[in-house]
PDB file of N, CA and C in Angstrom:
ATOM      1  N   MET A   1     -33.713  16.342  23.383  1.00  0.00           N
ATOM      2  CA  MET A   1     -32.819  15.992  22.287  1.00  0.00           C
ATOM      3  C   MET A   1     -33.569  15.063  21.325  1.00  0.00           C
ATOM      4  N   PRO A   2     -33.570  15.382  20.046  1.00  0.00           N
ATOM      5  CA  PRO A   2     -34.253  14.505  19.086  1.00  0.00           C
ATOM      6  C   PRO A   2     -33.483  13.196  18.885  1.00  0.00           C
ATOM      7  N   ALA A   3     -34.197  12.170  18.481  1.00  0.00           N
ATOM      8  CA  ALA A   3     -33.583  10.889  18.143  1.00  0.00           C
ATOM      9  C   ALA A   3     -32.981  10.995  16.740  1.00  0.00           C
ATOM     10  N   PRO A   4     -31.988  10.152  16.415  1.00  0.00           N
ATOM     11  CA  PRO A   4     -31.410  10.198  15.067  1.00  0.00           C
ATOM     12  C   PRO A   4     -32.452  10.114  13.952  1.00  0.00           C
ATOM     13  N   ILE A   5     -33.469   9.284  14.123  1.00  0.00           N
ATOM     14  CA  ILE A   5     -34.480   9.133  13.065  1.00  0.00           C
ATOM     15  C   ILE A   5     -35.221  10.450  12.810  1.00  0.00           C
ATOM     16  N   ASP A   6     -35.430  11.234  13.881  1.00  0.00           N
ATOM     17  CA  ASP A   6     -36.099  12.525  13.726  1.00  0.00           C
ATOM     18  C   ASP A   6     -35.220  13.489  12.928  1.00  0.00           C
ATOM     19  N   ILE A   7     -33.916  13.446  13.185  1.00  0.00           N
ATOM     20  CA  ILE A   7     -32.970  14.277  12.446  1.00  0.00           C
ATOM     21  C   ILE A   7     -32.922  13.829  10.988  1.00  0.00           C
ATOM     22  N   LEU A   8     -32.849  12.520  10.770  1.00  0.00           N
ATOM     23  CA  LEU A   8     -32.790  11.973   9.407  1.00  0.00           C
ATOM     24  C   LEU A   8     -34.012  12.361   8.585  1.00  0.00           C
ATOM     25  N   GLU A   9     -35.179  12.380   9.215  1.00  0.00           N
ATOM     26  CA  GLU A   9     -36.396  12.759   8.479  1.00  0.00           C
ATOM     27  C   GLU A   9     -36.289  14.180   7.926  1.00  0.00           C
ATOM     28  N   GLY A  10     -35.571  15.042   8.623  1.00  0.00           N
ATOM     29  CA  GLY A  10     -35.378  16.403   8.148  1.00  0.00           C
ATOM     30  C   GLY A  10     -34.407  16.497   6.981  1.00  0.00           C
ATOM     31  N   TRP A  11     -33.668  15.440   6.748  1.00  0.00           N
ATOM     32  CA  TRP A  11     -32.681  15.425   5.666  1.00  0.00           C
ATOM     33  C   TRP A  11     -33.174  14.703   4.417  1.00  0.00           C
ATOM     34  N   VAL A  12     -34.395  14.226   4.423  1.00  0.00           N
ATOM     35  CA  VAL A  12     -34.932  13.545   3.238  1.00  0.00           C
ATOM     36  C   VAL A  12     -34.839  14.482   2.039  1.00  0.00           C
ATOM     37  N   GLY A  13     -34.323  13.962   0.948  1.00  0.00           N
ATOM     38  CA  GLY A  13     -34.208  14.741  -0.278  1.00  0.00           C
ATOM     39  C   GLY A  13     -32.811  15.268  -0.554  1.00  0.00           C
ATOM     40  N   ILE A  14     -31.899  15.146   0.410  1.00  0.00           N
ATOM     41  CA  ILE A  14     -30.515  15.570   0.173  1.00  0.00           C
ATOM     42  C   ILE A  14     -29.926  14.706  -0.935  1.00  0.00           C
ATOM     43  N   GLN A  15     -29.222  15.344  -1.861  1.00  0.00           N
ATOM     44  CA  GLN A  15     -28.668  14.628  -3.018  1.00  0.00           C
ATOM     45  C   GLN A  15     -27.259  15.116  -3.322  1.00  0.00           C
ATOM     46  N   GLU A  16     -26.507  14.257  -4.043  1.00  0.00           N
ATOM     47  CA  GLU A  16     -25.211  14.663  -4.555  1.00  0.00           C
ATOM     48  C   GLU A  16     -25.420  15.729  -5.624  1.00  0.00           C
ATOM     49  N   ILE A  17     -24.390  16.517  -5.832  1.00  0.00           N
ATOM     50  CA  ILE A  17     -24.410  17.496  -6.918  1.00  0.00           C
ATOM     51  C   ILE A  17     -23.510  16.940  -8.019  1.00  0.00           C
ATOM     52  N   PRO A  18     -24.038  16.687  -9.211  1.00  0.00           N
ATOM     53  CA  PRO A  18     -23.200  16.159 -10.290  1.00  0.00           C
ATOM     54  C   PRO A  18     -22.081  17.142 -10.652  1.00  0.00           C
ATOM     55  N   GLY A  19     -20.930  16.581 -10.985  1.00  0.00           N
ATOM     56  CA  GLY A  19     -19.822  17.418 -11.432  1.00  0.00           C
ATOM     57  C   GLY A  19     -18.852  17.776 -10.320  1.00  0.00           C
ATOM     58  N   ARG A  20     -18.231  18.932 -10.473  1.00  0.00           N
ATOM     59  CA  ARG A  20     -17.144  19.337  -9.580  1.00  0.00           C
ATOM     60  C   ARG A  20     -17.627  19.911  -8.259  1.00  0.00           C
ATOM     61  N   GLN A  21     -18.857  20.341  -8.174  1.00  0.00           N
ATOM     62  CA  GLN A  21     -19.382  20.866  -6.913  1.00  0.00           C
ATOM     63  C   GLN A  21     -19.831  19.710  -6.038  1.00  0.00           C
ATOM     64  N   HIS A  22     -19.894  19.959  -4.734  1.00  0.00           N
ATOM     65  CA  HIS A  22     -20.312  18.929  -3.793  1.00  0.00           C
ATOM     66  C   HIS A  22     -21.297  19.528  -2.792  1.00  0.00           C
ATOM     67  N   ASN A  23     -22.275  18.721  -2.405  1.00  0.00           N
ATOM     68  CA  ASN A  23     -23.299  19.164  -1.467  1.00  0.00           C
ATOM     69  C   ASN A  23     -22.654  19.399  -0.104  1.00  0.00           C
ATOM     70  N   LYS A  24     -22.737  20.626   0.375  1.00  0.00           N
ATOM     71  CA  LYS A  24     -22.100  20.999   1.647  1.00  0.00           C
ATOM     72  C   LYS A  24     -22.685  20.213   2.821  1.00  0.00           C
ATOM     73  N   LYS A  25     -23.948  19.879   2.751  1.00  0.00           N
ATOM     74  CA  LYS A  25     -24.571  19.107   3.835  1.00  0.00           C
ATOM     75  C   LYS A  25     -23.937  17.712   3.922  1.00  0.00           C
ATOM     76  N   ILE A  26     -23.664  17.084   2.779  1.00  0.00           N
ATOM     77  CA  ILE A  26     -23.036  15.764   2.778  1.00  0.00           C
ATOM     78  C   ILE A  26     -21.604  15.865   3.290  1.00  0.00           C
ATOM     79  N   LEU A  27     -20.887  16.895   2.883  1.00  0.00           N
ATOM     80  CA  LEU A  27     -19.521  17.086   3.385  1.00  0.00           C
ATOM     81  C   LEU A  27     -19.528  17.294   4.899  1.00  0.00           C
ATOM     82  N   GLU A  28     -20.512  18.006   5.391  1.00  0.00           N
ATOM     83  CA  GLU A  28     -20.666  18.212   6.835  1.00  0.00           C
ATOM     84  C   GLU A  28     -20.934  16.876   7.547  1.00  0.00           C
ATOM     85  N   MET A  29     -21.691  16.005   6.910  1.00  0.00           N
ATOM     86  CA  MET A  29     -21.940  14.677   7.492  1.00  0.00           C
ATOM     87  C   MET A  29     -20.632  13.925   7.676  1.00  0.00           C
ATOM     88  N   TRP A  30     -19.750  14.003   6.662  1.00  0.00           N
ATOM     89  CA  TRP A  30     -18.458  13.307   6.764  1.00  0.00           C
ATOM     90  C   TRP A  30     -17.631  13.852   7.923  1.00  0.00           C
ATOM     91  N   VAL A  31     -17.672  15.154   8.137  1.00  0.00           N
ATOM     92  CA  VAL A  31     -16.929  15.752   9.255  1.00  0.00           C
ATOM     93  C   VAL A  31     -17.490  15.246  10.574  1.00  0.00           C
ATOM     94  N   LYS A  32     -18.811  15.271  10.715  1.00  0.00           N
ATOM     95  CA  LYS A  32     -19.439  14.798  11.953  1.00  0.00           C
ATOM     96  C   LYS A  32     -19.196  13.311  12.181  1.00  0.00           C
ATOM     97  N   ALA A  33     -19.008  12.567  11.083  1.00  0.00           N
ATOM     98  CA  ALA A  33     -18.733  11.129  11.187  1.00  0.00           C
ATOM     99  C   ALA A  33     -17.263  10.854  11.495  1.00  0.00           C
ATOM    100  N   GLY A  34     -16.480  11.910  11.647  1.00  0.00           N
ATOM    101  CA  GLY A  34     -15.069  11.732  11.967  1.00  0.00           C
ATOM    102  C   GLY A  34     -14.199  11.465  10.754  1.00  0.00           C
ATOM    103  N   GLN A  35     -14.704  11.829   9.568  1.00  0.00           N
ATOM    104  CA  GLN A  35     -13.986  11.562   8.322  1.00  0.00           C
ATOM    105  C   GLN A  35     -13.805  12.853   7.509  1.00  0.00           C
ATOM    106  N   PRO A  36     -13.119  13.859   8.057  1.00  0.00           N
ATOM    107  CA  PRO A  36     -13.004  15.142   7.349  1.00  0.00           C
ATOM    108  C   PRO A  36     -12.165  15.083   6.077  1.00  0.00           C
ATOM    109  N   LYS A  37     -11.408  14.008   5.874  1.00  0.00           N
ATOM    110  CA  LYS A  37     -10.586  13.902   4.664  1.00  0.00           C
ATOM    111  C   LYS A  37     -11.422  13.544   3.434  1.00  0.00           C
ATOM    112  N   ILE A  38     -12.659  13.087   3.644  1.00  0.00           N
ATOM    113  CA  ILE A  38     -13.536  12.808   2.500  1.00  0.00           C
ATOM    114  C   ILE A  38     -14.163  14.132   2.092  1.00  0.00           C
ATOM    115  N   THR A  39     -13.828  14.586   0.900  1.00  0.00           N
ATOM    116  CA  THR A  39     -14.218  15.931   0.465  1.00  0.00           C
ATOM    117  C   THR A  39     -15.067  15.932  -0.800  1.00  0.00           C
ATOM    118  N   ASN A  40     -15.789  14.832  -1.018  1.00  0.00           N
ATOM    119  CA  ASN A  40     -16.687  14.801  -2.175  1.00  0.00           C
ATOM    120  C   ASN A  40     -17.994  14.140  -1.763  1.00  0.00           C
ATOM    121  N   ASP A  41     -19.024  14.360  -2.568  1.00  0.00           N
ATOM    122  CA  ASP A  41     -20.320  13.753  -2.254  1.00  0.00           C
ATOM    123  C   ASP A  41     -20.596  12.529  -3.110  1.00  0.00           C
ATOM    124  N   GLU A  42     -19.591  12.068  -3.858  1.00  0.00           N
ATOM    125  CA  GLU A  42     -19.751  10.848  -4.649  1.00  0.00           C
ATOM    126  C   GLU A  42     -19.446   9.594  -3.836  1.00  0.00           C
ATOM    127  N   GLU A  43     -18.709   9.734  -2.747  1.00  0.00           N
ATOM    128  CA  GLU A  43     -18.412   8.606  -1.859  1.00  0.00           C
ATOM    129  C   GLU A  43     -19.736   8.136  -1.251  1.00  0.00           C
ATOM    130  N   ALA A  44     -19.917   6.817  -1.134  1.00  0.00           N
ATOM    131  CA  ALA A  44     -21.160   6.303  -0.534  1.00  0.00           C
ATOM    132  C   ALA A  44     -21.305   6.894   0.873  1.00  0.00           C
ATOM    133  N   TRP A  45     -22.374   7.628   1.097  1.00  0.00           N
ATOM    134  CA  TRP A  45     -22.507   8.392   2.336  1.00  0.00           C
ATOM    135  C   TRP A  45     -23.669   7.940   3.231  1.00  0.00           C
ATOM    136  N   CYS A  46     -24.174   6.735   3.000  1.00  0.00           N
ATOM    137  CA  CYS A  46     -25.294   6.253   3.823  1.00  0.00           C
ATOM    138  C   CYS A  46     -24.887   6.156   5.297  1.00  0.00           C
ATOM    139  N   SER A  47     -23.733   5.585   5.569  1.00  0.00           N
ATOM    140  CA  SER A  47     -23.286   5.459   6.954  1.00  0.00           C
ATOM    141  C   SER A  47     -22.923   6.822   7.537  1.00  0.00           C
ATOM    142  N   ALA A  48     -22.304   7.682   6.728  1.00  0.00           N
ATOM    143  CA  ALA A  48     -21.963   9.020   7.206  1.00  0.00           C
ATOM    144  C   ALA A  48     -23.218   9.782   7.620  1.00  0.00           C
ATOM    145  N   CYS A  49     -24.283   9.591   6.876  1.00  0.00           N
ATOM    146  CA  CYS A  49     -25.558  10.240   7.190  1.00  0.00           C
ATOM    147  C   CYS A  49     -26.084   9.768   8.549  1.00  0.00           C
ATOM    148  N   GLN A  50     -26.075   8.450   8.768  1.00  0.00           N
ATOM    149  CA  GLN A  50     -26.528   7.898  10.047  1.00  0.00           C
ATOM    150  C   GLN A  50     -25.605   8.354  11.178  1.00  0.00           C
ATOM    151  N   CYS A  51     -24.301   8.366  10.923  1.00  0.00           N
ATOM    152  CA  CYS A  51     -23.340   8.812  11.941  1.00  0.00           C
ATOM    153  C   CYS A  51     -23.581  10.279  12.305  1.00  0.00           C
ATOM    154  N   ALA A  52     -23.799  11.121  11.296  1.00  0.00           N
ATOM    155  CA  ALA A  52     -24.032  12.544  11.549  1.00  0.00           C
ATOM    156  C   ALA A  52     -25.316  12.750  12.353  1.00  0.00           C
ATOM    157  N   ALA A  53     -26.352  11.996  12.033  1.00  0.00           N
ATOM    158  CA  ALA A  53     -27.600  12.099  12.797  1.00  0.00           C
ATOM    159  C   ALA A  53     -27.378  11.645  14.239  1.00  0.00           C
ATOM    160  N   SER A  54     -26.612  10.591  14.418  1.00  0.00           N
ATOM    161  CA  SER A  54     -26.293  10.120  15.774  1.00  0.00           C
ATOM    162  C   SER A  54     -25.465  11.165  16.511  1.00  0.00           C
ATOM    163  N   HIS A  55     -24.515  11.763  15.818  1.00  0.00           N
ATOM    164  CA  HIS A  55     -23.703  12.840  16.394  1.00  0.00           C
ATOM    165  C   HIS A  55     -24.598  13.969  16.884  1.00  0.00           C
ATOM    166  N   ASP A  56     -25.509  14.422  16.018  1.00  0.00           N
ATOM    167  CA  ASP A  56     -26.395  15.525  16.374  1.00  0.00           C
ATOM    168  C   ASP A  56     -27.341  15.167  17.511  1.00  0.00           C
ATOM    169  N   ALA A  57     -27.659  13.883  17.639  1.00  0.00           N
ATOM    170  CA  ALA A  57     -28.533  13.411  18.730  1.00  0.00           C
ATOM    171  C   ALA A  57     -27.728  13.069  19.985  1.00  0.00           C
ATOM    172  N   LYS A  58     -26.425  13.328  19.946  1.00  0.00           N
ATOM    173  CA  LYS A  58     -25.519  13.063  21.086  1.00  0.00           C
ATOM    174  C   LYS A  58     -25.481  11.582  21.448  1.00  0.00           C
ATOM    175  N   GLN A  59     -25.539  10.721  20.427  1.00  0.00           N
ATOM    176  CA  GLN A  59     -25.443   9.278  20.629  1.00  0.00           C
ATOM    177  C   GLN A  59     -24.131   8.762  20.044  1.00  0.00           C
ATOM    178  N   THR A  60     -23.737   7.573  20.480  1.00  0.00           N
ATOM    179  CA  THR A  60     -22.516   6.974  19.959  1.00  0.00           C
ATOM    180  C   THR A  60     -22.764   6.417  18.561  1.00  0.00           C
ATOM    181  N   PHE A  61     -21.679   6.234  17.836  1.00  0.00           N
ATOM    182  CA  PHE A  61     -21.770   5.656  16.497  1.00  0.00           C
ATOM    183  C   PHE A  61     -20.413   5.090  16.126  1.00  0.00           C
ATOM    184  N   PRO A  62     -20.381   4.085  15.230  1.00  0.00           N
ATOM    185  CA  PRO A  62     -19.129   3.389  14.940  1.00  0.00           C
ATOM    186  C   PRO A  62     -18.059   4.221  14.254  1.00  0.00           C
ATOM    187  N   ALA A  63     -18.395   5.241  13.510  1.00  0.00           N
ATOM    188  CA  ALA A  63     -17.364   6.002  12.802  1.00  0.00           C
ATOM    189  C   ALA A  63     -16.470   6.768  13.766  1.00  0.00           C
ATOM    190  N   LYS A  64     -16.914   6.945  15.008  1.00  0.00           N
ATOM    191  CA  LYS A  64     -16.038   7.573  15.995  1.00  0.00           C
ATOM    192  C   LYS A  64     -14.778   6.741  16.167  1.00  0.00           C
ATOM    193  N   GLU A  65     -14.875   5.467  15.814  1.00  0.00           N
ATOM    194  CA  GLU A  65     -13.721   4.576  15.873  1.00  0.00           C
ATOM    195  C   GLU A  65     -13.021   4.548  14.521  1.00  0.00           C
ATOM    196  N   HIS A  66     -13.225   5.581  13.706  1.00  0.00           N
ATOM    197  CA  HIS A  66     -12.558   5.761  12.424  1.00  0.00           C
ATOM    198  C   HIS A  66     -12.961   4.720  11.382  1.00  0.00           C
ATOM    199  N   ASN A  67     -14.189   4.276  11.413  1.00  0.00           N
ATOM    200  CA  ASN A  67     -14.648   3.336  10.408  1.00  0.00           C
ATOM    201  C   ASN A  67     -15.986   3.828   9.851  1.00  0.00           C
ATOM    202  N   PRO A  68     -15.963   4.417   8.655  1.00  0.00           N
ATOM    203  CA  PRO A  68     -17.191   4.981   8.104  1.00  0.00           C
ATOM    204  C   PRO A  68     -18.060   4.000   7.330  1.00  0.00           C
ATOM    205  N   MET A  69     -17.639   2.728   7.208  1.00  0.00           N
ATOM    206  CA  MET A  69     -18.389   1.783   6.384  1.00  0.00           C
ATOM    207  C   MET A  69     -19.723   1.389   7.025  1.00  0.00           C
ATOM    208  N   ALA A  70     -20.716   1.151   6.197  1.00  0.00           N
ATOM    209  CA  ALA A  70     -22.031   0.752   6.696  1.00  0.00           C
ATOM    210  C   ALA A  70     -21.943  -0.516   7.536  1.00  0.00           C
ATOM    211  N   ARG A  71     -21.078  -1.436   7.143  1.00  0.00           N
ATOM    212  CA  ARG A  71     -20.963  -2.686   7.903  1.00  0.00           C
ATOM    213  C   ARG A  71     -20.458  -2.477   9.332  1.00  0.00           C
ATOM    214  N   SER A  72     -19.824  -1.343   9.594  1.00  0.00           N
ATOM    215  CA  SER A  72     -19.360  -1.087  10.955  1.00  0.00           C
ATOM    216  C   SER A  72     -20.533  -1.035  11.934  1.00  0.00           C
ATOM    217  N   TRP A  73     -21.744  -0.753  11.420  1.00  0.00           N
ATOM    218  CA  TRP A  73     -22.928  -0.727  12.270  1.00  0.00           C
ATOM    219  C   TRP A  73     -23.295  -2.124  12.769  1.00  0.00           C
ATOM    220  N   LEU A  74     -22.791  -3.163  12.110  1.00  0.00           N
ATOM    221  CA  LEU A  74     -23.072  -4.533  12.558  1.00  0.00           C
ATOM    222  C   LEU A  74     -22.429  -4.827  13.908  1.00  0.00           C
ATOM    223  N   ARG A  75     -21.411  -4.076  14.259  1.00  0.00           N
ATOM    224  CA  ARG A  75     -20.714  -4.272  15.543  1.00  0.00           C
ATOM    225  C   ARG A  75     -21.144  -3.255  16.593  1.00  0.00           C
ATOM    226  N   TRP A  76     -22.112  -2.465  16.290  1.00  0.00           N
ATOM    227  CA  TRP A  76     -22.586  -1.412  17.178  1.00  0.00           C
ATOM    228  C   TRP A  76     -23.945  -1.815  17.744  1.00  0.00           C
ATOM    229  N   GLY A  77     -24.213  -1.481  18.980  1.00  0.00           N
ATOM    230  CA  GLY A  77     -25.524  -1.782  19.562  1.00  0.00           C
ATOM    231  C   GLY A  77     -25.726  -3.262  19.789  1.00  0.00           C
ATOM    232  N   ARG A  78     -26.942  -3.700  19.606  1.00  0.00           N
ATOM    233  CA  ARG A  78     -27.263  -5.117  19.800  1.00  0.00           C
ATOM    234  C   ARG A  78     -28.202  -5.565  18.694  1.00  0.00           C
ATOM    235  N   ALA A  79     -28.109  -6.850  18.380  1.00  0.00           N
ATOM    236  CA  ALA A  79     -28.971  -7.412  17.335  1.00  0.00           C
ATOM    237  C   ALA A  79     -30.416  -7.486  17.832  1.00  0.00           C
ATOM    238  N   VAL A  80     -31.341  -7.323  16.922  1.00  0.00           N
ATOM    239  CA  VAL A  80     -32.760  -7.479  17.242  1.00  0.00           C
ATOM    240  C   VAL A  80     -33.372  -8.470  16.267  1.00  0.00           C
ATOM    241  N   ASP A  81     -34.415  -9.106  16.688  1.00  0.00           N
ATOM    242  CA  ASP A  81     -35.148 -10.028  15.829  1.00  0.00           C
ATOM    243  C   ASP A  81     -35.774  -9.226  14.686  1.00  0.00           C
ATOM    244  N   PRO A  82     -35.664  -9.690  13.448  1.00  0.00           N
ATOM    245  CA  PRO A  82     -36.253  -8.961  12.323  1.00  0.00           C
ATOM    246  C   PRO A  82     -37.746  -8.689  12.491  1.00  0.00           C
ATOM    247  N   GLN A  83     -38.421  -9.508  13.257  1.00  0.00           N
ATOM    248  CA  GLN A  83     -39.850  -9.286  13.505  1.00  0.00           C
ATOM    249  C   GLN A  83     -40.090  -8.204  14.559  1.00  0.00           C
ATOM    250  N   ASP A  84     -39.007  -7.752  15.211  1.00  0.00           N
ATOM    251  CA  ASP A  84     -39.106  -6.812  16.321  1.00  0.00           C
ATOM    252  C   ASP A  84     -38.468  -5.457  16.025  1.00  0.00           C
ATOM    253  N   VAL A  85     -38.218  -5.142  14.772  1.00  0.00           N
ATOM    254  CA  VAL A  85     -37.554  -3.893  14.416  1.00  0.00           C
ATOM    255  C   VAL A  85     -38.407  -2.705  14.849  1.00  0.00           C
ATOM    256  N   GLN A  86     -37.748  -1.733  15.464  1.00  0.00           N
ATOM    257  CA  GLN A  86     -38.421  -0.525  15.931  1.00  0.00           C
ATOM    258  C   GLN A  86     -38.022   0.670  15.068  1.00  0.00           C
ATOM    259  N   ARG A  87     -38.711   1.755  15.225  1.00  0.00           N
ATOM    260  CA  ARG A  87     -38.545   2.947  14.392  1.00  0.00           C
ATOM    261  C   ARG A  87     -37.112   3.476  14.369  1.00  0.00           C
ATOM    262  N   ASP A  88     -36.376   3.455  15.442  1.00  0.00           N
ATOM    263  CA  ASP A  88     -35.045   4.064  15.495  1.00  0.00           C
ATOM    264  C   ASP A  88     -33.913   3.046  15.341  1.00  0.00           C
ATOM    265  N   ASP A  89     -34.234   1.790  14.963  1.00  0.00           N
ATOM    266  CA  ASP A  89     -33.198   0.774  14.771  1.00  0.00           C
ATOM    267  C   ASP A  89     -32.411   1.061  13.490  1.00  0.00           C
ATOM    268  N   VAL A  90     -31.144   0.674  13.490  1.00  0.00           N
ATOM    269  CA  VAL A  90     -30.292   0.801  12.305  1.00  0.00           C
ATOM    270  C   VAL A  90     -30.260  -0.562  11.629  1.00  0.00           C
ATOM    271  N   ILE A  91     -30.574  -0.592  10.344  1.00  0.00           N
ATOM    272  CA  ILE A  91     -30.613  -1.842   9.587  1.00  0.00           C
ATOM    273  C   ILE A  91     -29.519  -1.793   8.530  1.00  0.00           C
ATOM    274  N   VAL A  92     -28.757  -2.874   8.420  1.00  0.00           N
ATOM    275  CA  VAL A  92     -27.705  -2.969   7.415  1.00  0.00           C
ATOM    276  C   VAL A  92     -28.077  -4.085   6.453  1.00  0.00           C
ATOM    277  N   TRP A  93     -28.287  -3.727   5.192  1.00  0.00           N
ATOM    278  CA  TRP A  93     -28.582  -4.727   4.177  1.00  0.00           C
ATOM    279  C   TRP A  93     -27.270  -5.317   3.677  1.00  0.00           C
ATOM    280  N   PRO A  94     -27.213  -6.638   3.521  1.00  0.00           N
ATOM    281  CA  PRO A  94     -25.973  -7.241   3.019  1.00  0.00           C
ATOM    282  C   PRO A  94     -25.776  -6.959   1.532  1.00  0.00           C
ATOM    283  N   ARG A  95     -24.515  -6.779   1.157  1.00  0.00           N
ATOM    284  CA  ARG A  95     -24.138  -6.656  -0.242  1.00  0.00           C
ATOM    285  C   ARG A  95     -22.637  -6.878  -0.334  1.00  0.00           C
ATOM    286  N   GLY A  96     -22.183  -7.233  -1.496  1.00  0.00           N
ATOM    287  CA  GLY A  96     -20.753  -7.437  -1.685  1.00  0.00           C
ATOM    288  C   GLY A  96     -20.240  -8.632  -0.920  1.00  0.00           C
ATOM    289  N   ASN A  97     -19.002  -8.579  -0.510  1.00  0.00           N
ATOM    290  CA  ASN A  97     -18.326  -9.657   0.201  1.00  0.00           C
ATOM    291  C   ASN A  97     -18.697  -9.628   1.677  1.00  0.00           C
ATOM    292  N   PRO A  98     -19.443 -10.626   2.180  1.00  0.00           N
ATOM    293  CA  PRO A  98     -19.844 -10.622   3.590  1.00  0.00           C
ATOM    294  C   PRO A  98     -18.659 -10.795   4.536  1.00  0.00           C
ATOM    295  N   ASN A  99     -17.525 -11.256   4.028  1.00  0.00           N
ATOM    296  CA  ASN A  99     -16.343 -11.417   4.864  1.00  0.00           C
ATOM    297  C   ASN A  99     -15.370 -10.244   4.696  1.00  0.00           C
ATOM    298  N   GLY A 100     -15.803  -9.218   4.013  1.00  0.00           N
ATOM    299  CA  GLY A 100     -14.934  -8.065   3.761  1.00  0.00           C
ATOM    300  C   GLY A 100     -14.649  -7.270   5.021  1.00  0.00           C
ATOM    301  N   PRO A 101     -13.829  -6.251   4.896  1.00  0.00           N
ATOM    302  CA  PRO A 101     -13.457  -5.451   6.075  1.00  0.00           C
ATOM    303  C   PRO A 101     -14.645  -4.685   6.614  1.00  0.00           C
ATOM    304  N   TYR A 102     -14.599  -4.461   7.899  1.00  0.00           N
ATOM    305  CA  TYR A 102     -15.621  -3.631   8.542  1.00  0.00           C
ATOM    306  C   TYR A 102     -15.046  -2.255   8.753  1.00  0.00           C
TER     307      TYR A 102
END
């Protein structure tokens, strides 16, 4: 079974489609992330992408708990020292309200 990072490398270059059409691969990511009601590719899909890769790698991921936000990854797994980051670690960059909903 490939690791999520190996799956993600195969998805490099996936993009939204401007206008009324939507990238089917991105919509598929939302379904795999447990969010089938999201039916457009304009919604921020960074977490959905990681969730879909984890799904395909048969690993757990936070969206299974119905939370597709990137910050939900902060409650998943375990923290690592920034000097010790490994190839398959999930990194969440802070932005917006740090006290906002997860």
